[in-house]
PDB file of N, CA and C in Angstrom:
ATOM      1  N   MET A   1     -85.246 -19.574 -55.085  1.00  0.00           N
ATOM      2  CA  MET A   1     -84.424 -20.446 -55.828  1.00  0.00           C
ATOM      3  C   MET A   1     -84.326 -19.963 -57.246  1.00  0.00           C
ATOM      4  N   GLU A   2     -85.542 -19.902 -58.305  1.00  0.00           N
ATOM      5  CA  GLU A   2     -85.453 -19.960 -59.481  1.00  0.00           C
ATOM      6  C   GLU A   2     -84.772 -18.391 -60.337  1.00  0.00           C
ATOM      7  N   LEU A   3     -84.779 -17.310 -58.922  1.00  0.00           N
ATOM      8  CA  LEU A   3     -84.610 -16.291 -59.310  1.00  0.00           C
ATOM      9  C   LEU A   3     -82.617 -16.589 -59.729  1.00  0.00           C
ATOM     10  N   PHE A   4     -82.299 -17.104 -58.201  1.00  0.00           N
ATOM     11  CA  PHE A   4     -80.752 -16.977 -58.160  1.00  0.00           C
ATOM     12  C   PHE A   4     -80.237 -18.432 -59.243  1.00  0.00           C
ATOM     13  N   LEU A   5     -80.831 -19.528 -59.744  1.00  0.00           N
ATOM     14  CA  LEU A   5     -80.732 -20.296 -60.862  1.00  0.00           C
ATOM     15  C   LEU A   5     -80.891 -19.583 -61.959  1.00  0.00           C
ATOM     16  N   GLU A   6     -81.334 -18.393 -62.303  1.00  0.00           N
ATOM     17  CA  GLU A   6     -81.165 -17.668 -63.758  1.00  0.00           C
ATOM     18  C   GLU A   6     -80.090 -16.721 -63.757  1.00  0.00           C
ATOM     19  N   ARG A   7     -79.958 -16.467 -63.028  1.00  0.00           N
ATOM     20  CA  ARG A   7     -79.167 -15.115 -62.633  1.00  0.00           C
ATOM     21  C   ARG A   7     -77.637 -15.984 -62.513  1.00  0.00           C
ATOM     22  N   PHE A   8     -77.855 -16.994 -61.689  1.00  0.00           N
ATOM     23  CA  PHE A   8     -76.260 -17.862 -61.900  1.00  0.00           C
ATOM     24  C   PHE A   8     -76.182 -18.166 -63.810  1.00  0.00           C
ATOM     25  N   HIS A   9     -76.774 -18.354 -64.477  1.00  0.00           N
ATOM     26  CA  HIS A   9     -76.628 -18.866 -65.188  1.00  0.00           C
ATOM     27  C   HIS A   9     -76.110 -18.261 -66.423  1.00  0.00           C
ATOM     28  N   LYS A  10     -76.651 -16.914 -65.879  1.00  0.00           N
ATOM     29  CA  LYS A  10     -76.340 -15.965 -66.559  1.00  0.00           C
ATOM     30  C   LYS A  10     -74.966 -15.361 -66.331  1.00  0.00           C
ATOM     31  N   GLU A  11     -74.874 -16.169 -65.132  1.00  0.00           N
ATOM     32  CA  GLU A  11     -73.182 -15.665 -65.098  1.00  0.00           C
ATOM     33  C   GLU A  11     -73.026 -14.487 -63.977  1.00  0.00           C
ATOM     34  N   ASP A  12     -73.954 -14.047 -63.483  1.00  0.00           N
ATOM     35  CA  ASP A  12     -74.098 -12.559 -62.594  1.00  0.00           C
ATOM     36  C   ASP A  12     -73.198 -12.536 -61.500  1.00  0.00           C
ATOM     37  N   PHE A  13     -72.184 -11.674 -61.169  1.00  0.00           N
ATOM     38  CA  PHE A  13     -71.656 -12.239 -60.128  1.00  0.00           C
ATOM     39  C   PHE A  13     -72.058 -11.697 -58.754  1.00  0.00           C
ATOM     40  N   TYR A  14     -72.971 -10.471 -58.973  1.00  0.00           N
ATOM     41  CA  TYR A  14     -73.453 -10.041 -58.056  1.00  0.00           C
ATOM     42  C   TYR A  14     -75.200 -10.592 -58.407  1.00  0.00           C
ATOM     43  N   ILE A  15     -75.569 -11.053 -56.999  1.00  0.00           N
ATOM     44  CA  ILE A  15     -76.859 -11.757 -56.866  1.00  0.00           C
ATOM     45  C   ILE A  15     -77.702 -11.080 -55.987  1.00  0.00           C
ATOM     46  N   THR A  16     -79.052  -9.984 -55.752  1.00  0.00           N
ATOM     47  CA  THR A  16     -79.776  -9.550 -54.498  1.00  0.00           C
ATOM     48  C   THR A  16     -80.693 -10.502 -54.420  1.00  0.00           C
ATOM     49  N   CYS A  17     -80.997 -10.820 -53.666  1.00  0.00           N
ATOM     50  CA  CYS A  17     -82.580 -11.792 -53.503  1.00  0.00           C
ATOM     51  C   CYS A  17     -83.666 -10.623 -52.974  1.00  0.00           C
ATOM     52  N   PRO A  18     -84.513 -10.605 -53.842  1.00  0.00           N
ATOM     53  CA  PRO A  18     -85.543  -9.476 -53.483  1.00  0.00           C
ATOM     54  C   PRO A  18     -86.815 -10.451 -52.333  1.00  0.00           C
ATOM     55  N   ASP A  19     -86.988  -9.247 -51.651  1.00  0.00           N
ATOM     56  CA  ASP A  19     -87.279  -9.848 -50.155  1.00  0.00           C
ATOM     57  C   ASP A  19     -88.816  -9.013 -50.664  1.00  0.00           C
ATOM     58  N   ASN A  20     -89.423  -9.241 -52.095  1.00  0.00           N
ATOM     59  CA  ASN A  20     -90.962  -8.474 -52.196  1.00  0.00           C
ATOM     60  C   ASN A  20     -91.527  -7.338 -51.439  1.00  0.00           C
ATOM     61  N   ALA A  21     -90.894  -6.751 -50.129  1.00  0.00           N
ATOM     62  CA  ALA A  21     -90.932  -5.436 -49.610  1.00  0.00           C
ATOM     63  C   ALA A  21     -90.866  -4.341 -50.052  1.00  0.00           C
ATOM     64  N   VAL A  22     -89.682  -4.132 -50.823  1.00  0.00           N
ATOM     65  CA  VAL A  22     -89.760  -3.013 -52.027  1.00  0.00           C
ATOM     66  C   VAL A  22     -89.266  -3.179 -53.516  1.00  0.00           C
ATOM     67  N   THR A  23     -89.722  -2.038 -54.410  1.00  0.00           N
ATOM     68  CA  THR A  23     -88.636  -2.879 -56.178  1.00  0.00           C
ATOM     69  C   THR A  23     -87.674  -2.689 -56.076  1.00  0.00           C
ATOM     70  N   PRO A  24     -87.892  -3.619 -56.938  1.00  0.00           N
ATOM     71  CA  PRO A  24     -85.736  -3.290 -57.498  1.00  0.00           C
ATOM     72  C   PRO A  24     -85.168  -2.180 -57.664  1.00  0.00           C
ATOM     73  N   ALA A  25     -85.762  -1.438 -57.888  1.00  0.00           N
ATOM     74  CA  ALA A  25     -85.182  -0.334 -57.944  1.00  0.00           C
ATOM     75  C   ALA A  25     -84.607   0.155 -56.576  1.00  0.00           C
ATOM     76  N   LEU A  26     -85.925   0.332 -56.066  1.00  0.00           N
ATOM     77  CA  LEU A  26     -85.584   0.942 -54.266  1.00  0.00           C
ATOM     78  C   LEU A  26     -84.639  -0.028 -53.482  1.00  0.00           C
ATOM     79  N   ASP A  27     -84.614  -1.301 -53.618  1.00  0.00           N
ATOM     80  CA  ASP A  27     -83.317  -1.940 -53.561  1.00  0.00           C
ATOM     81  C   ASP A  27     -81.770  -1.982 -53.700  1.00  0.00           C
ATOM     82  N   ALA A  28     -81.936  -1.595 -54.994  1.00  0.00           N
ATOM     83  CA  ALA A  28     -80.799  -1.092 -55.736  1.00  0.00           C
ATOM     84  C   ALA A  28     -80.356   0.649 -55.531  1.00  0.00           C
ATOM     85  N   LYS A  29     -81.321   1.408 -54.650  1.00  0.00           N
ATOM     86  CA  LYS A  29     -80.993   2.697 -53.702  1.00  0.00           C
ATOM     87  C   LYS A  29     -80.426   2.484 -52.864  1.00  0.00           C
ATOM     88  N   ARG A  30     -81.632   1.657 -52.020  1.00  0.00           N
ATOM     89  CA  ARG A  30     -80.112   1.346 -50.748  1.00  0.00           C
ATOM     90  C   ARG A  30     -78.919   0.647 -50.863  1.00  0.00           C
ATOM     91  N   ILE A  31     -78.562   0.227 -51.538  1.00  0.00           N
ATOM     92  CA  ILE A  31     -77.591  -1.005 -51.765  1.00  0.00           C
ATOM     93  C   ILE A  31     -76.547   0.547 -51.614  1.00  0.00           C
ATOM     94  N   ARG A  32     -76.637   0.986 -52.698  1.00  0.00           N
ATOM     95  CA  ARG A  32     -76.075   2.512 -53.158  1.00  0.00           C
ATOM     96  C   ARG A  32     -75.898   3.362 -52.543  1.00  0.00           C
ATOM     97  N   TRP A  33     -76.931   3.568 -51.512  1.00  0.00           N
ATOM     98  CA  TRP A  33     -76.637   4.463 -50.735  1.00  0.00           C
ATOM     99  C   TRP A  33     -75.970   4.003 -49.244  1.00  0.00           C
ATOM    100  N   ALA A  34     -75.728   2.115 -48.929  1.00  0.00           N
ATOM    101  CA  ALA A  34     -75.072   1.894 -47.530  1.00  0.00           C
ATOM    102  C   ALA A  34     -73.892   2.128 -48.322  1.00  0.00           C
ATOM    103  N   ALA A  35     -73.287   1.910 -49.337  1.00  0.00           N
ATOM    104  CA  ALA A  35     -71.814   1.958 -50.092  1.00  0.00           C
ATOM    105  C   ALA A  35     -71.193   3.398 -49.350  1.00  0.00           C
ATOM    106  N   GLU A  36     -72.277   4.050 -50.095  1.00  0.00           N
ATOM    107  CA  GLU A  36     -72.180   5.748 -49.670  1.00  0.00           C
ATOM    108  C   GLU A  36     -71.534   6.339 -48.742  1.00  0.00           C
ATOM    109  N   ASP A  37     -72.571   5.502 -47.465  1.00  0.00           N
ATOM    110  CA  ASP A  37     -72.062   5.757 -46.010  1.00  0.00           C
ATOM    111  C   ASP A  37     -70.589   4.821 -45.818  1.00  0.00           C
ATOM    112  N   ILE A  38     -69.782   4.103 -46.019  1.00  0.00           N
ATOM    113  CA  ILE A  38     -69.051   4.037 -46.371  1.00  0.00           C
ATOM    114  C   ILE A  38     -67.821   4.658 -47.028  1.00  0.00           C
ATOM    115  N   VAL A  39     -68.139   5.287 -47.833  1.00  0.00           N
ATOM    116  CA  VAL A  39     -67.231   6.422 -48.590  1.00  0.00           C
ATOM    117  C   VAL A  39     -66.998   7.930 -47.908  1.00  0.00           C
ATOM    118  N   GLN A  40     -68.425   8.465 -47.253  1.00  0.00           N
ATOM    119  CA  GLN A  40     -68.721   9.453 -47.198  1.00  0.00           C
ATOM    120  C   GLN A  40     -68.760   9.206 -45.320  1.00  0.00           C
ATOM    121  N   ASN A  41     -68.336   8.424 -45.092  1.00  0.00           N
ATOM    122  CA  ASN A  41     -67.994   7.983 -43.364  1.00  0.00           C
ATOM    123  C   ASN A  41     -69.337   8.817 -42.489  1.00  0.00           C
ATOM    124  N   ARG A  42     -70.299   8.283 -43.166  1.00  0.00           N
ATOM    125  CA  ARG A  42     -71.826   8.461 -42.335  1.00  0.00           C
ATOM    126  C   ARG A  42     -71.597   7.569 -41.949  1.00  0.00           C
ATOM    127  N   PRO A  43     -72.870   7.096 -40.210  1.00  0.00           N
ATOM    128  CA  PRO A  43     -73.307   6.363 -39.728  1.00  0.00           C
ATOM    129  C   PRO A  43     -73.497   5.373 -40.318  1.00  0.00           C
ATOM    130  N   ALA A  44     -73.095   3.852 -40.048  1.00  0.00           N
ATOM    131  CA  ALA A  44     -73.778   2.326 -40.667  1.00  0.00           C
ATOM    132  C   ALA A  44     -75.084   3.004 -40.827  1.00  0.00           C
ATOM    133  N   LEU A  45     -75.953   2.158 -41.598  1.00  0.00           N
ATOM    134  CA  LEU A  45     -77.449   2.243 -41.816  1.00  0.00           C
ATOM    135  C   LEU A  45     -77.687   3.272 -41.750  1.00  0.00           C
ATOM    136  N   SER A  46     -76.992   4.413 -41.954  1.00  0.00           N
ATOM    137  CA  SER A  46     -77.564   5.874 -41.875  1.00  0.00           C
ATOM    138  C   SER A  46     -78.761   6.594 -42.525  1.00  0.00           C
ATOM    139  N   ARG A  47     -79.895   5.530 -43.359  1.00  0.00           N
ATOM    140  CA  ARG A  47     -80.900   5.897 -43.817  1.00  0.00           C
ATOM    141  C   ARG A  47     -82.172   5.649 -42.889  1.00  0.00           C
ATOM    142  N   TRP A  48     -81.573   5.131 -41.982  1.00  0.00           N
ATOM    143  CA  TRP A  48     -82.397   4.935 -40.512  1.00  0.00           C
ATOM    144  C   TRP A  48     -81.945   5.999 -39.210  1.00  0.00           C
ATOM    145  N   HIS A  49     -80.738   6.181 -39.658  1.00  0.00           N
ATOM    146  CA  HIS A  49     -80.139   7.430 -38.400  1.00  0.00           C
ATOM    147  C   HIS A  49     -81.060   8.603 -38.533  1.00  0.00           C
ATOM    148  N   PRO A  50     -81.610   9.416 -37.769  1.00  0.00           N
ATOM    149  CA  PRO A  50     -81.985  10.357 -36.911  1.00  0.00           C
ATOM    150  C   PRO A  50     -81.516  12.012 -37.924  1.00  0.00           C
ATOM    151  N   ASP A  51     -80.112  11.713 -38.047  1.00  0.00           N
ATOM    152  CA  ASP A  51     -79.788  12.805 -38.818  1.00  0.00           C
ATOM    153  C   ASP A  51     -79.596  12.378 -40.057  1.00  0.00           C
ATOM    154  N   TRP A  52     -79.671  11.549 -40.688  1.00  0.00           N
ATOM    155  CA  TRP A  52     -79.415  11.335 -42.198  1.00  0.00           C
ATOM    156  C   TRP A  52     -81.175  11.112 -43.101  1.00  0.00           C
ATOM    157  N   LYS A  53     -81.728  10.093 -42.108  1.00  0.00           N
ATOM    158  CA  LYS A  53     -83.103   9.474 -42.808  1.00  0.00           C
ATOM    159  C   LYS A  53     -84.188  10.718 -43.371  1.00  0.00           C
ATOM    160  N   ASP A  54     -83.935  11.697 -43.461  1.00  0.00           N
ATOM    161  CA  ASP A  54     -85.191  12.602 -44.054  1.00  0.00           C
ATOM    162  C   ASP A  54     -84.265  12.859 -45.648  1.00  0.00           C
ATOM    163  N   GLU A  55     -82.637  12.812 -45.122  1.00  0.00           N
ATOM    164  CA  GLU A  55     -82.239  13.136 -46.812  1.00  0.00           C
ATOM    165  C   GLU A  55     -81.766  11.787 -47.828  1.00  0.00           C
ATOM    166  N   PHE A  56     -82.178  10.914 -46.994  1.00  0.00           N
ATOM    167  CA  PHE A  56     -82.265   9.791 -47.661  1.00  0.00           C
ATOM    168  C   PHE A  56     -83.572   9.548 -47.963  1.00  0.00           C
ATOM    169  N   ALA A  57     -84.622   9.989 -47.483  1.00  0.00           N
ATOM    170  CA  ALA A  57     -85.620   9.922 -48.331  1.00  0.00           C
ATOM    171  C   ALA A  57     -86.242  10.634 -49.636  1.00  0.00           C
ATOM    172  N   ARG A  58     -85.745  12.374 -49.217  1.00  0.00           N
ATOM    173  CA  ARG A  58     -85.415  12.927 -50.274  1.00  0.00           C
ATOM    174  C   ARG A  58     -84.683  12.105 -51.470  1.00  0.00           C
ATOM    175  N   TRP A  59     -83.277  11.905 -51.136  1.00  0.00           N
ATOM    176  CA  TRP A  59     -82.687  11.089 -52.350  1.00  0.00           C
ATOM    177  C   TRP A  59     -83.763   9.982 -52.604  1.00  0.00           C
ATOM    178  N   ALA A  60     -83.574   9.105 -52.569  1.00  0.00           N
ATOM    179  CA  ALA A  60     -84.898   8.116 -52.791  1.00  0.00           C
ATOM    180  C   ALA A  60     -85.470   8.318 -53.832  1.00  0.00           C
ATOM    181  N   GLN A  61     -86.138   9.619 -53.721  1.00  0.00           N
ATOM    182  CA  GLN A  61     -87.281   9.685 -54.313  1.00  0.00           C
ATOM    183  C   GLN A  61     -86.774  10.093 -56.225  1.00  0.00           C
ATOM    184  N   GLN A  62     -85.897  10.847 -55.691  1.00  0.00           N
ATOM    185  CA  GLN A  62     -85.376  11.559 -56.878  1.00  0.00           C
ATOM    186  C   GLN A  62     -85.307   9.827 -57.970  1.00  0.00           C
ATOM    187  N   SER A  63     -85.073  10.069 -59.855  1.00  0.00           N
ATOM    188  CA  SER A  63     -84.954   9.179 -60.476  1.00  0.00           C
ATOM    189  C   SER A  63     -83.628   8.848 -60.903  1.00  0.00           C
TER     190      SER A  63
END
């Protein structure tokens, strides 16, 4: 709740709520990859798809 209120008061439009399972940087990469699923017409949640998971892993390792 504290994070939400902090971001809300900063008038941030998007507020992602961390689950503490991954870093905020990796969370942002996952969001970017998921948006690219739409743009590139990949399967939904392709980071788990057998044809794409290795490519996602390589891509996510890049800075």
